[in-house]
């Protein structure tokens, strides 16, 4: 007897669901009911959006902190409170102190990033971000209430320390939670939000400058001129800490708390034998049923990472070679972050108002131009957002470095000419530099280290790469003021040469990471080691086995202990690799 047509479809669906559940149970020895019980309330795009919101708030805060001091340091009330930053003929040595009060923030960031070497995996991503945000709140309060140069210096170190924790954690947090096909765009949005923070800083200070209300009176004649903009960062800090740490018992906020634990928790759950929870999280991330091939492959890939991790040697793992190529990967990440700063971007970001004043603009017009520069910088960053997953990481970095080199060379030549038309063109070229940087180095530099590093070393590698970024950030910011005072336009030539050197380094030593999962890149480096090939060339191949496949197990030399649904014979990719036990 046949079923009624109205019930036949439901019957077919129930059969399919039962088949899927049986498949998951057979392959993974997981109870589908147990997997469903641990499913987050947010899935797919909503889950990704929640992660992006938390990560984006952290990077908007980062950008705001980067940009605000550029606007404040030449304000009359700031100079009155801190005369050490006033640079004139009678105090030419104050150029160093002016650079110092800006750059000391980077010292705090450096120590914050380095401390993540030890606390990153112990605290986990969520707790590290909460800790960093809480420290930044303390630092922001200390900055806002500063009445001496010494207090301001200490306050900026404290704020920087918290920011170092955040910036060395958020990219990893976001990358681990992002699908490989969309990871580039999602992390590139962080770069866009850095610029959004810079732009907010410029525009907010400009609005205060032009205010004719009661607020405007205090801006012109009291320390509110600089205290209010510094205090505004508390808004971003409180939002970030609240959203990632708030844990009601149900509803959307509960899913945010679950979300904050997920990136590093997938691995931890598997290590602890809590595989059903791990499968539920992967299924929610992909927004697919646990029986879906993509979900299964991700699960397999993480099981591979767990199998490899059993031989972890702690911090010594960073200097190992072999299939993991951890030393090479860590070095690439550290050098990349160093090169991002040596492009000269903070010459524009931190000294925008001063640069435009040097080009003949009045104080007001310089601030207006700096705000316009930040706005253009923000919109230009969307180019990379749309191009990153189509063009690839390497191509964008090469395009950016070549463009930056040309712009810096032209700025040096025009600085030598130094007449009215040359100054006008120089203003335009500063806009062009930001455009090239936003295309090639703004977001990519934060994305790439999280992608290139292996799972065992991801937290310490990102800590070291971020520390590298802050170290050279400090060096560049410290030398710019004295450099312009001593060698003037030749400063641009120095950065032009640095950008020229970046091009061959990227071309010959930086593998392409686009279009692959984080676990796939372990296979790329292992295959390169097994076959004696260049990892850059292997990364550009289209026939590298995907993580979670039997071929990948053979290349990595591990056994996941998983019964593959569709067993396959090891391919030629296993050349030079031992078959896992």
Protein backbone atom coordinates (compact mmCIF):
# COMPACT_ATOMS: atom_id res chain seq x y z
CA UNK A 1 0.00 0.00 0.00
CA UNK A 2 1.45 3.36 -1.04
CA UNK A 3 1.60 6.38 1.19
CA UNK A 4 -0.62 9.41 0.47
CA UNK A 5 1.18 11.99 -1.70
CA UNK A 6 1.12 14.52 1.15
CA UNK A 7 3.06 12.16 3.40
CA UNK A 8 5.30 10.53 0.80
CA UNK A 9 7.70 13.50 0.66
CA UNK A 10 7.96 13.59 4.43
CA UNK A 11 8.62 9.86 4.45
CA UNK A 12 11.40 10.26 1.87
CA UNK A 13 12.99 13.07 3.92
CA UNK A 14 12.85 10.98 7.08
CA UNK A 15 14.55 8.13 5.23
CA UNK A 16 17.28 10.48 3.99
CA UNK A 17 17.82 11.89 7.47
CA UNK A 18 17.97 8.40 8.92
CA UNK A 19 20.51 7.39 6.26
CA UNK A 20 22.62 10.47 7.02
CA UNK A 21 22.49 9.79 10.74
CA UNK A 22 23.48 6.17 10.20
CA UNK A 23 26.36 7.31 7.97
CA UNK A 24 27.68 9.70 10.63
CA UNK A 25 27.28 7.07 13.33
CA UNK A 26 29.10 4.44 11.27
CA UNK A 27 31.98 6.68 10.19
CA UNK A 28 32.64 8.59 13.39
CA UNK A 29 30.97 6.54 16.10
CA UNK A 30 28.98 9.64 17.03
CA UNK A 31 25.43 9.80 18.28
CA UNK A 32 23.50 12.21 16.00
CA UNK A 33 21.31 13.20 18.94
CA UNK A 34 24.45 14.11 20.91
CA UNK A 35 25.72 16.20 17.97
CA UNK A 36 22.38 18.00 17.69
CA UNK A 37 22.31 18.68 21.42
CA UNK A 38 25.56 20.67 21.17
CA UNK A 39 24.60 22.69 18.07
CA UNK A 40 25.04 26.50 18.51
CA UNK A 41 21.94 28.64 18.02
CA UNK A 42 23.68 30.60 15.23
CA UNK A 43 24.77 28.92 12.01
CA UNK A 44 26.40 29.86 8.73
CA UNK A 45 26.28 33.54 7.84
CA UNK A 46 24.83 34.61 11.18
CA UNK A 47 27.62 32.81 13.01
CA UNK A 48 30.23 34.37 10.72
CA UNK A 49 28.67 37.80 11.13
CA UNK A 50 28.80 37.52 14.91
CA UNK A 51 32.49 36.56 14.74
CA UNK A 52 33.18 39.42 12.34
CA UNK A 53 31.47 41.89 14.69
CA UNK A 54 33.63 40.93 17.66
CA UNK A 55 36.82 40.86 15.57
CA UNK A 56 35.89 44.03 13.72
CA UNK A 57 35.33 46.01 16.90
CA UNK A 58 38.84 45.10 18.04
CA UNK A 59 40.41 46.30 14.80
CA UNK A 60 38.33 49.47 14.62
CA UNK A 61 39.69 50.24 18.08
CA UNK A 62 43.20 49.51 16.79
CA UNK A 63 42.76 51.94 13.90
CA UNK A 64 41.26 54.64 16.09
CA UNK A 65 44.23 54.47 18.46
CA UNK A 66 46.60 54.67 15.49
CA UNK A 67 44.97 57.76 14.03
CA UNK A 68 43.92 59.84 17.00
CA UNK A 69 47.38 60.95 18.14
CA UNK A 70 48.20 62.31 14.68
CA UNK A 71 45.31 64.77 15.06
CA UNK A 72 45.92 65.66 18.70
CA UNK A 73 49.66 66.12 18.90
CA UNK A 74 49.63 69.52 17.16
CA UNK A 75 46.57 70.85 19.03
CA UNK A 76 47.14 74.00 21.10
CA UNK A 77 45.69 72.49 24.30
CA UNK A 78 47.75 69.30 23.94
CA UNK A 79 50.89 71.37 23.45
CA UNK A 80 50.00 73.51 26.47
CA UNK A 81 49.66 70.43 28.69
CA UNK A 82 52.70 68.65 27.21
CA UNK A 83 55.20 71.27 26.01
CA UNK A 84 57.72 68.49 25.39
CA UNK A 85 56.05 67.81 22.01
CA UNK A 86 56.36 71.40 20.72
CA UNK A 87 58.92 71.48 17.91
CA UNK A 88 60.34 74.90 17.02
CA UNK A 89 63.67 76.58 16.35
CA UNK A 90 64.52 76.82 20.05
CA UNK A 91 63.51 73.20 20.79
CA UNK A 92 64.60 71.21 17.75
CA UNK A 93 65.35 68.21 19.99
CA UNK A 94 61.63 68.01 20.77
CA UNK A 95 61.15 66.22 17.43
CA UNK A 96 62.48 63.11 19.14
CA UNK A 97 60.11 63.52 22.11
CA UNK A 98 57.21 64.10 19.72
CA UNK A 99 58.03 60.83 17.97
CA UNK A 100 58.59 59.15 21.34
CA UNK A 101 55.13 59.85 22.78
CA UNK A 102 53.59 58.39 19.62
CA UNK A 103 55.96 55.43 19.34
CA UNK A 104 55.93 54.40 23.01
CA UNK A 105 52.46 52.99 22.36
CA UNK A 106 54.11 50.46 20.05
CA UNK A 107 56.44 49.35 22.85
CA UNK A 108 53.42 48.39 24.93
CA UNK A 109 51.93 46.60 21.92
CA UNK A 110 55.20 44.72 21.46
CA UNK A 111 55.21 43.39 25.03
CA UNK A 112 51.51 42.54 24.78
CA UNK A 113 52.09 40.52 21.61
CA UNK A 114 55.13 38.74 23.07
CA UNK A 115 53.22 37.80 26.23
CA UNK A 116 50.81 35.94 23.98
CA UNK A 117 53.57 33.40 23.41
CA UNK A 118 52.85 32.09 26.90
CA UNK A 119 49.25 33.06 27.66
CA UNK A 120 47.62 32.68 24.23
CA UNK A 121 46.93 28.94 24.31
CA UNK A 122 46.50 28.83 28.09
CA UNK A 123 43.77 31.46 28.17
CA UNK A 124 42.25 30.64 24.80
CA UNK A 125 41.19 33.19 22.18
CA UNK A 126 38.15 34.56 24.02
CA UNK A 127 39.79 35.13 27.39
CA UNK A 128 42.86 36.68 25.78
CA UNK A 129 40.69 39.20 23.93
CA UNK A 130 38.74 40.00 27.09
CA UNK A 131 41.98 40.46 29.04
CA UNK A 132 43.44 42.72 26.36
CA UNK A 133 40.27 44.80 26.17
CA UNK A 134 40.12 45.21 29.95
CA UNK A 135 43.73 46.39 30.05
CA UNK A 136 42.99 48.88 27.28
CA UNK A 137 40.09 50.29 29.30
CA UNK A 138 42.49 50.97 32.19
CA UNK A 139 45.01 52.51 29.80
CA UNK A 140 42.40 54.73 28.13
CA UNK A 141 41.27 56.06 31.52
CA UNK A 142 44.88 56.79 32.48
CA UNK A 143 45.47 58.62 29.18
CA UNK A 144 42.30 60.67 29.49
CA UNK A 145 43.22 61.79 33.02
CA UNK A 146 46.88 62.55 32.25
CA UNK A 147 48.38 65.75 33.68
CA UNK A 148 52.06 65.09 33.00
CA UNK A 149 54.24 63.75 30.20
CA UNK A 150 55.33 60.85 32.42
CA UNK A 151 51.73 59.79 33.16
CA UNK A 152 50.81 59.97 29.50
CA UNK A 153 53.83 57.82 28.63
CA UNK A 154 52.90 55.12 31.15
CA UNK A 155 49.25 55.24 30.09
CA UNK A 156 50.15 54.71 26.42
CA UNK A 157 52.34 51.72 27.33
CA UNK A 158 49.45 50.16 29.29
CA UNK A 159 46.99 50.78 26.45
CA UNK A 160 49.46 49.38 23.95
CA UNK A 161 49.98 46.24 26.03
CA UNK A 162 46.26 45.46 25.84
CA UNK A 163 46.21 46.20 22.12
CA UNK A 164 49.16 43.86 21.58
CA UNK A 165 47.18 41.01 23.15
CA UNK A 166 44.17 41.78 20.97
CA UNK A 167 45.95 42.23 17.63
CA UNK A 168 47.95 39.03 18.10
CA UNK A 169 44.77 37.04 18.84
CA UNK A 170 41.88 38.41 16.77
CA UNK A 171 43.23 37.46 13.29
CA UNK A 172 43.81 33.87 14.44
CA UNK A 173 40.41 33.76 16.11
CA UNK A 174 38.70 34.99 12.95
CA UNK A 175 40.70 32.87 10.50
CA UNK A 176 40.05 29.64 12.40
CA UNK A 177 36.32 30.27 12.32
CA UNK A 178 36.12 31.26 8.63
CA UNK A 179 35.37 28.92 5.70
CA UNK A 180 38.36 28.72 3.35
CA UNK A 181 36.37 30.07 0.40
CA UNK A 182 35.42 33.24 2.29
CA UNK A 183 38.29 33.53 4.76
CA UNK A 184 40.13 36.13 2.69
CA UNK A 185 37.20 38.53 2.53
CA UNK A 186 36.29 38.07 6.17
CA UNK A 187 39.81 38.85 7.42
CA UNK A 188 40.28 41.65 4.87
CA UNK A 189 37.29 43.34 6.47
CA UNK A 190 39.46 43.69 9.57
CA UNK A 191 41.87 45.79 7.52
CA UNK A 192 39.00 47.92 6.32
CA UNK A 193 37.87 48.44 9.89
CA UNK A 194 41.39 49.50 10.93
CA UNK A 195 41.08 52.30 8.40
CA UNK A 196 37.53 53.02 9.58
CA UNK A 197 38.98 53.59 13.05
CA UNK A 198 41.67 55.90 11.64
CA UNK A 199 39.04 57.85 9.69
CA UNK A 200 36.77 58.17 12.72
CA UNK A 201 39.72 59.63 14.64
CA UNK A 202 40.47 62.20 11.93
CA UNK A 203 36.86 63.19 11.32
CA UNK A 204 35.93 63.35 15.00
CA UNK A 205 38.81 65.68 15.78
CA UNK A 206 37.84 67.79 12.77
CA UNK A 207 34.24 68.05 13.97
CA UNK A 208 35.43 69.20 17.38
CA UNK A 209 37.65 71.77 15.72
CA UNK A 210 34.74 73.27 13.77
CA UNK A 211 32.17 73.08 16.55
CA UNK A 212 30.68 76.45 17.52
CA UNK A 213 28.55 75.10 20.34
CA UNK A 214 29.37 75.04 24.06
CA UNK A 215 31.46 71.97 23.27
CA UNK A 216 33.36 74.04 20.76
CA UNK A 217 34.18 76.61 23.47
CA UNK A 218 35.72 73.95 25.68
CA UNK A 219 37.52 72.42 22.69
CA UNK A 220 39.21 75.72 21.96
CA UNK A 221 40.04 76.71 25.50
CA UNK A 222 40.30 73.56 27.62
CA UNK A 223 41.97 70.18 27.64
CA UNK A 224 38.68 68.66 26.45
CA UNK A 225 40.20 69.32 23.02
CA UNK A 226 42.28 66.15 23.43
CA UNK A 227 40.75 64.36 26.44
CA UNK A 228 37.37 63.74 24.78
CA UNK A 229 38.81 62.10 21.62
CA UNK A 230 41.06 59.84 23.72
CA UNK A 231 38.13 58.87 25.96
CA UNK A 232 36.03 57.92 22.93
CA UNK A 233 38.06 54.71 22.52
CA UNK A 234 36.36 53.45 25.70
CA UNK A 235 33.19 52.97 23.63
CA UNK A 236 34.91 50.43 21.34
CA UNK A 237 36.65 48.72 24.25
CA UNK A 238 33.48 48.26 26.28
CA UNK A 239 31.54 46.96 23.26
CA UNK A 240 34.25 44.40 22.48
CA UNK A 241 34.65 43.12 26.04
CA UNK A 242 30.90 43.01 26.64
CA UNK A 243 30.00 41.20 23.43
CA UNK A 244 32.66 38.52 23.71
CA UNK A 245 32.31 37.92 27.44
CA UNK A 246 28.59 38.35 28.05
CA UNK A 247 26.99 34.97 28.70
CA UNK A 248 23.25 34.91 29.40
CA UNK A 249 21.62 31.52 29.55
CA UNK A 250 19.81 31.63 26.27
CA UNK A 251 19.07 33.62 23.15
CA UNK A 252 21.42 35.29 20.71
CA UNK A 253 23.90 36.46 23.35
CA UNK A 254 24.44 32.89 24.43
CA UNK A 255 25.44 32.01 20.88
CA UNK A 256 27.96 34.86 20.93
CA UNK A 257 29.59 33.36 24.00
CA UNK A 258 29.68 29.96 22.33
CA UNK A 259 31.09 31.57 19.23
CA UNK A 260 33.94 33.15 21.16
CA UNK A 261 35.14 29.77 22.37
CA UNK A 262 34.83 27.91 19.11
CA UNK A 263 38.00 28.50 17.08
CA UNK A 264 40.48 26.87 19.43
CA UNK A 265 37.80 24.71 21.03
CA UNK A 266 37.32 22.49 17.97
CA UNK A 267 40.80 21.11 18.50
CA UNK A 268 40.51 20.99 22.28
CA UNK A 269 37.21 19.11 22.10
CA UNK A 270 38.71 16.45 19.86
CA UNK A 271 41.79 16.13 22.06
CA UNK A 272 39.46 15.59 25.02
CA UNK A 273 37.40 13.02 23.12
CA UNK A 274 34.40 15.37 22.88
CA UNK A 275 34.00 14.71 19.18
CA UNK A 276 30.24 15.24 19.07
CA UNK A 277 30.66 18.86 20.20
CA UNK A 278 33.43 19.40 17.66
CA UNK A 279 31.26 17.99 14.86
CA UNK A 280 28.36 20.23 15.93
CA UNK A 281 30.56 23.32 15.74
CA UNK A 282 31.96 22.39 12.32
CA UNK A 283 28.46 21.72 11.03
CA UNK A 284 27.29 25.12 12.29
CA UNK A 285 30.27 26.89 10.74
CA UNK A 286 29.59 25.34 7.34
CA UNK A 287 25.79 25.52 7.83
CA UNK A 288 25.54 21.97 6.54
CA UNK A 289 24.47 18.58 7.85
CA UNK A 290 27.17 16.53 9.63
CA UNK A 291 26.97 13.99 6.79
CA UNK A 292 27.90 16.62 4.18
CA UNK A 293 31.28 15.85 2.49
CA UNK A 294 32.66 19.33 3.28
CA UNK A 295 31.85 18.95 6.97
CA UNK A 296 33.36 15.47 7.03
CA UNK A 297 36.54 16.64 5.28
CA UNK A 298 36.98 19.46 7.79
CA UNK A 299 36.48 16.96 10.59
CA UNK A 300 39.04 14.62 9.02
CA UNK A 301 41.49 17.51 8.61
CA UNK A 302 41.28 18.47 12.26
CA UNK A 303 41.70 14.83 13.26
CA UNK A 304 44.91 14.91 11.20
CA UNK A 305 46.03 17.99 13.11
CA UNK A 306 45.26 16.24 16.41
CA UNK A 307 47.28 13.22 15.31
CA UNK A 308 50.24 15.40 14.33
CA UNK A 309 50.04 17.42 17.54
CA UNK A 310 50.78 14.44 19.73
CA UNK A 311 54.48 15.04 19.06
CA UNK A 312 54.40 18.73 20.04
CA UNK A 313 57.60 20.08 21.63
CA UNK A 314 56.24 23.36 23.01
CA UNK A 315 58.04 26.53 22.01
CA UNK A 316 60.83 24.50 20.41
CA UNK A 317 58.28 23.51 17.79
CA UNK A 318 58.77 26.96 16.21
CA UNK A 319 62.27 26.07 15.04
CA UNK A 320 61.56 22.60 13.66
CA UNK A 321 61.77 21.59 10.02
CA UNK A 322 60.68 18.29 8.52
CA UNK A 323 57.20 17.94 7.11
CA UNK A 324 55.83 20.76 9.26
CA UNK A 325 58.40 23.34 8.05
CA UNK A 326 57.55 25.39 11.13
CA UNK A 327 60.77 27.43 11.11
CA UNK A 328 60.21 28.48 7.51
CA UNK A 329 56.56 29.33 8.15
CA UNK A 330 57.29 31.30 11.32
CA UNK A 331 60.08 33.22 9.57
CA UNK A 332 57.78 34.12 6.67
CA UNK A 333 55.13 35.44 9.07
CA UNK A 334 57.64 37.51 11.05
CA UNK A 335 59.29 38.96 7.92
CA UNK A 336 55.90 39.79 6.40
CA UNK A 337 54.87 41.88 9.39
CA UNK A 338 58.25 43.59 9.42
CA UNK A 339 57.89 44.48 5.74
CA UNK A 340 54.40 45.89 6.26
CA UNK A 341 55.88 48.56 8.53
CA UNK A 342 58.91 49.19 6.32
CA UNK A 343 56.59 50.18 3.48
CA UNK A 344 56.29 53.54 5.26
CA UNK A 345 52.56 53.46 5.94
CA UNK A 346 52.89 54.99 9.40
CA UNK A 347 54.69 57.93 7.91
CA UNK A 348 51.22 58.81 6.59
CA UNK A 349 49.01 57.37 9.35
CA UNK A 350 50.74 58.93 12.35
CA UNK A 351 52.05 62.11 10.74
CA UNK A 352 49.29 62.92 8.24
CA UNK A 353 48.48 66.37 9.65
CA UNK A 354 52.16 67.27 10.02
CA UNK A 355 52.98 66.07 6.49
CA UNK A 356 50.25 68.20 4.95
CA UNK A 357 51.43 71.20 6.97
CA UNK A 358 54.94 70.62 5.60
CA UNK A 359 53.42 70.76 2.11
CA UNK A 360 52.21 74.30 2.72
CA UNK A 361 48.68 73.75 4.06
CA UNK A 362 47.37 75.72 7.03
CA UNK A 363 46.55 73.94 10.30
CA UNK A 364 42.83 73.77 9.50
CA UNK A 365 43.32 72.76 5.86
CA UNK A 366 45.87 70.13 6.89
CA UNK A 367 43.32 68.55 9.25
CA UNK A 368 40.62 68.64 6.57
CA UNK A 369 42.98 67.00 4.09
CA UNK A 370 44.00 64.37 6.64
CA UNK A 371 40.32 63.52 7.21
CA UNK A 372 39.77 63.30 3.45
CA UNK A 373 42.87 61.11 3.16
CA UNK A 374 41.53 58.75 5.81
CA UNK A 375 38.14 58.60 4.09
CA UNK A 376 39.72 57.76 0.73
CA UNK A 377 41.89 55.17 2.49
CA UNK A 378 38.73 53.54 3.87
CA UNK A 379 36.96 53.29 0.51
CA UNK A 380 40.13 52.07 -1.25
CA UNK A 381 40.35 49.15 1.19
CA UNK A 382 37.22 47.63 -0.37
CA UNK A 383 39.21 46.91 -3.55
CA UNK A 384 41.20 44.26 -1.72
CA UNK A 385 38.06 43.00 0.02
CA UNK A 386 36.53 42.03 -3.32
CA UNK A 387 39.78 40.97 -4.99
CA UNK A 388 41.47 38.87 -2.29
CA UNK A 389 39.76 35.53 -3.00
CA UNK A 390 40.01 35.96 -6.79
CA UNK A 391 43.45 37.49 -7.30
CA UNK A 392 45.25 35.79 -4.41
CA UNK A 393 47.48 37.01 -1.60
CA UNK A 394 50.79 37.08 -3.47
CA UNK A 395 49.51 39.13 -6.39
CA UNK A 396 47.97 41.78 -4.17
CA UNK A 397 51.17 42.10 -2.12
CA UNK A 398 53.26 42.47 -5.29
CA UNK A 399 50.91 45.07 -6.79
CA UNK A 400 50.92 47.04 -3.56
CA UNK A 401 54.72 46.99 -3.14
CA UNK A 402 55.39 48.09 -6.73
CA UNK A 403 52.87 50.93 -6.50
CA UNK A 404 54.21 52.07 -3.12
CA UNK A 405 57.79 52.08 -4.45
CA UNK A 406 56.83 54.29 -7.40
CA UNK A 407 54.85 56.71 -5.21
CA UNK A 408 57.65 57.08 -2.66
CA UNK A 409 60.20 57.71 -5.41
CA UNK A 410 57.99 60.42 -6.92
CA UNK A 411 57.47 62.02 -3.50
CA UNK A 412 61.24 62.19 -3.06
CA UNK A 413 61.74 63.81 -6.46
CA UNK A 414 58.96 66.35 -5.85
CA UNK A 415 60.33 67.05 -2.38
CA UNK A 416 63.64 67.96 -4.01
CA UNK A 417 61.86 70.33 -6.45
CA UNK A 418 59.76 71.79 -3.61
CA UNK A 419 57.65 74.42 -5.37
CA UNK A 420 53.90 75.08 -5.37
CA UNK A 421 52.88 72.63 -8.13
CA UNK A 422 55.19 69.95 -6.69
CA UNK A 423 53.52 70.29 -3.28
CA UNK A 424 50.05 69.93 -4.81
CA UNK A 425 51.07 66.75 -6.63
CA UNK A 426 52.68 65.46 -3.42
CA UNK A 427 49.36 65.79 -1.60
CA UNK A 428 47.71 63.68 -4.31
CA UNK A 429 50.50 61.10 -4.15
CA UNK A 430 49.98 60.63 -0.41
CA UNK A 431 46.41 59.61 -1.27
CA UNK A 432 47.80 57.25 -3.93
CA UNK A 433 50.17 55.65 -1.43
CA UNK A 434 47.30 54.83 0.90
CA UNK A 435 45.43 53.29 -2.03
CA UNK A 436 48.26 50.94 -2.97
CA UNK A 437 48.85 50.02 0.67
CA UNK A 438 45.17 49.23 1.24
CA UNK A 439 45.19 46.96 -1.82
CA UNK A 440 48.31 44.98 -1.02
CA UNK A 441 49.30 45.27 2.62
CA UNK A 442 46.56 46.57 4.89
CA UNK A 443 44.50 43.43 5.51
CA UNK A 444 46.72 40.83 3.84
CA UNK A 445 49.48 41.32 6.43
CA UNK A 446 47.06 40.37 9.22
CA UNK A 447 45.50 37.50 7.27
CA UNK A 448 48.64 35.81 5.97
CA UNK A 449 50.42 34.89 9.27
CA UNK A 450 47.27 33.21 10.58
CA UNK A 451 47.05 31.19 7.36
CA UNK A 452 50.69 30.27 6.85
CA UNK A 453 51.30 28.90 10.36
CA UNK A 454 50.53 25.34 11.41
CA UNK A 455 47.95 24.52 14.05
CA UNK A 456 50.51 23.61 16.70
CA UNK A 457 52.36 26.90 16.27
CA UNK A 458 49.57 29.26 15.23
CA UNK A 459 49.28 31.15 18.52
CA UNK A 460 53.04 31.65 19.11
CA UNK A 461 53.69 32.38 15.43
CA UNK A 462 51.04 35.09 15.41
CA UNK A 463 52.44 36.45 18.67
CA UNK A 464 55.93 36.69 17.14
CA UNK A 465 54.70 38.15 13.84
CA UNK A 466 52.60 40.75 15.64
CA UNK A 467 55.58 41.55 17.88
CA UNK A 468 57.63 42.03 14.70
CA UNK A 469 54.98 44.42 13.41
CA UNK A 470 55.01 46.50 16.58
CA UNK A 471 58.81 46.48 16.83
CA UNK A 472 59.26 47.98 13.38
CA UNK A 473 56.22 50.18 13.89
CA UNK A 474 58.12 51.69 16.83
CA UNK A 475 61.35 51.99 14.83
CA UNK A 476 59.66 53.71 11.89
CA UNK A 477 57.61 56.11 14.01
CA UNK A 478 60.67 57.03 16.10
CA UNK A 479 62.88 57.85 13.12
CA UNK A 480 60.39 59.73 10.94
CA UNK A 481 60.44 62.98 12.93
CA UNK A 482 64.26 63.21 13.18
CA UNK A 483 64.63 61.93 9.59
CA UNK A 484 62.56 64.76 8.11
CA UNK A 485 64.45 67.26 10.25
CA UNK A 486 67.83 65.93 9.04
CA UNK A 487 67.48 64.47 5.53
CA UNK A 488 64.13 66.00 4.51
CA UNK A 489 62.81 64.63 1.17
CA UNK A 490 65.43 61.85 1.14
CA UNK A 491 63.27 60.08 3.74
CA UNK A 492 60.89 59.18 0.91
CA UNK A 493 63.77 57.68 -1.11
CA UNK A 494 64.67 55.40 1.81
CA UNK A 495 61.16 53.97 1.86
CA UNK A 496 61.12 53.68 -1.94
CA UNK A 497 64.18 51.42 -1.73
CA UNK A 498 62.58 49.33 1.02
CA UNK A 499 59.47 48.78 -1.09
CA UNK A 500 61.64 47.77 -4.04
CA UNK A 501 63.35 45.10 -1.90
CA UNK A 502 59.97 43.73 -0.78
CA UNK A 503 59.00 42.72 -4.34
CA UNK A 504 61.53 39.88 -4.90
CA UNK A 505 61.15 38.68 -1.30
CA UNK A 506 57.40 38.13 -1.80
CA UNK A 507 57.84 36.63 -5.27
CA UNK A 508 60.45 34.04 -4.34
CA UNK A 509 59.62 33.13 -0.73
CA UNK A 510 55.90 33.63 -0.02
CA UNK A 511 53.59 30.70 -0.92
CA UNK A 512 50.03 31.35 -2.06
CA UNK A 513 47.52 30.55 0.71
CA UNK A 514 44.28 31.54 -1.02
CA UNK A 515 41.59 28.96 -1.73
CA UNK A 516 42.89 26.45 0.82
CA UNK A 517 41.77 25.56 4.31
CA UNK A 518 44.22 26.12 7.16
CA UNK A 519 44.74 22.35 7.33
CA UNK A 520 45.38 22.17 3.55
CA UNK A 521 48.49 24.31 4.00
CA UNK A 522 50.00 21.66 6.28
CA UNK A 523 49.70 19.29 3.32
CA UNK A 524 51.33 21.83 0.96
CA UNK A 525 54.44 22.19 3.13
CA UNK A 526 54.65 18.46 3.88
CA UNK A 527 54.40 17.62 0.18
CA UNK A 528 57.11 20.16 -0.65
CA UNK A 529 59.37 18.58 1.97
CA UNK A 530 58.68 15.00 0.86
CA UNK A 531 59.38 15.74 -2.80
CA UNK A 532 62.17 18.30 -2.32
CA UNK A 533 60.23 21.02 -4.14
CA UNK A 534 59.86 24.73 -3.47
CA UNK A 535 56.78 25.37 -1.24
CA UNK A 536 55.98 28.43 -3.36
CA UNK A 537 55.69 26.29 -6.50
CA UNK A 538 53.72 23.58 -4.70
CA UNK A 539 51.27 26.19 -3.35
CA UNK A 540 50.50 27.29 -6.91
CA UNK A 541 49.57 23.78 -8.01
CA UNK A 542 45.93 22.79 -8.36
CA UNK A 543 46.38 19.05 -7.75
CA UNK A 544 47.55 19.01 -4.12
CA UNK A 545 45.36 16.60 -2.06
CA UNK A 546 42.94 18.20 0.34
CA UNK A 547 43.38 17.85 4.08
CA UNK A 548 41.18 15.11 5.47
CA UNK A 549 41.84 12.75 2.56
CA UNK A 550 43.72 9.47 2.75
CA UNK A 551 46.38 10.92 0.45
CA UNK A 552 46.87 13.81 2.88
CA UNK A 553 47.30 11.34 5.77
CA UNK A 554 50.05 9.61 3.83
CA UNK A 555 51.80 12.88 2.98
CA UNK A 556 51.64 14.05 6.59
CA UNK A 557 52.70 10.65 7.88
CA UNK A 558 49.86 10.39 10.40
CA UNK A 559 46.90 8.18 11.21
CA UNK A 560 43.65 9.85 12.28
CA UNK A 561 41.97 6.68 13.45
CA UNK A 562 38.98 7.53 11.24
CA UNK A 563 37.22 5.00 9.01
CA UNK A 564 37.04 6.78 5.65
CA UNK A 565 33.70 6.57 3.95
CA UNK A 566 35.22 6.22 0.49
CA UNK A 567 38.64 4.55 0.84
CA UNK A 568 41.07 5.49 -1.88
CA UNK A 569 44.40 4.15 -2.96
CA UNK A 570 47.29 6.45 -2.05
CA UNK A 571 48.24 8.53 -5.06
CA UNK A 572 51.59 9.55 -6.46
CA UNK A 573 51.58 12.44 -3.99
CA UNK A 574 52.75 10.05 -1.31
CA UNK A 575 56.18 9.84 -2.93
CA UNK A 576 58.78 10.15 -0.25
CA UNK A 577 56.21 9.77 2.55
CA UNK A 578 55.78 6.87 4.89
CA UNK A 579 52.39 5.23 5.12
CA UNK A 580 50.83 5.97 8.50
CA UNK A 581 50.45 3.13 10.90
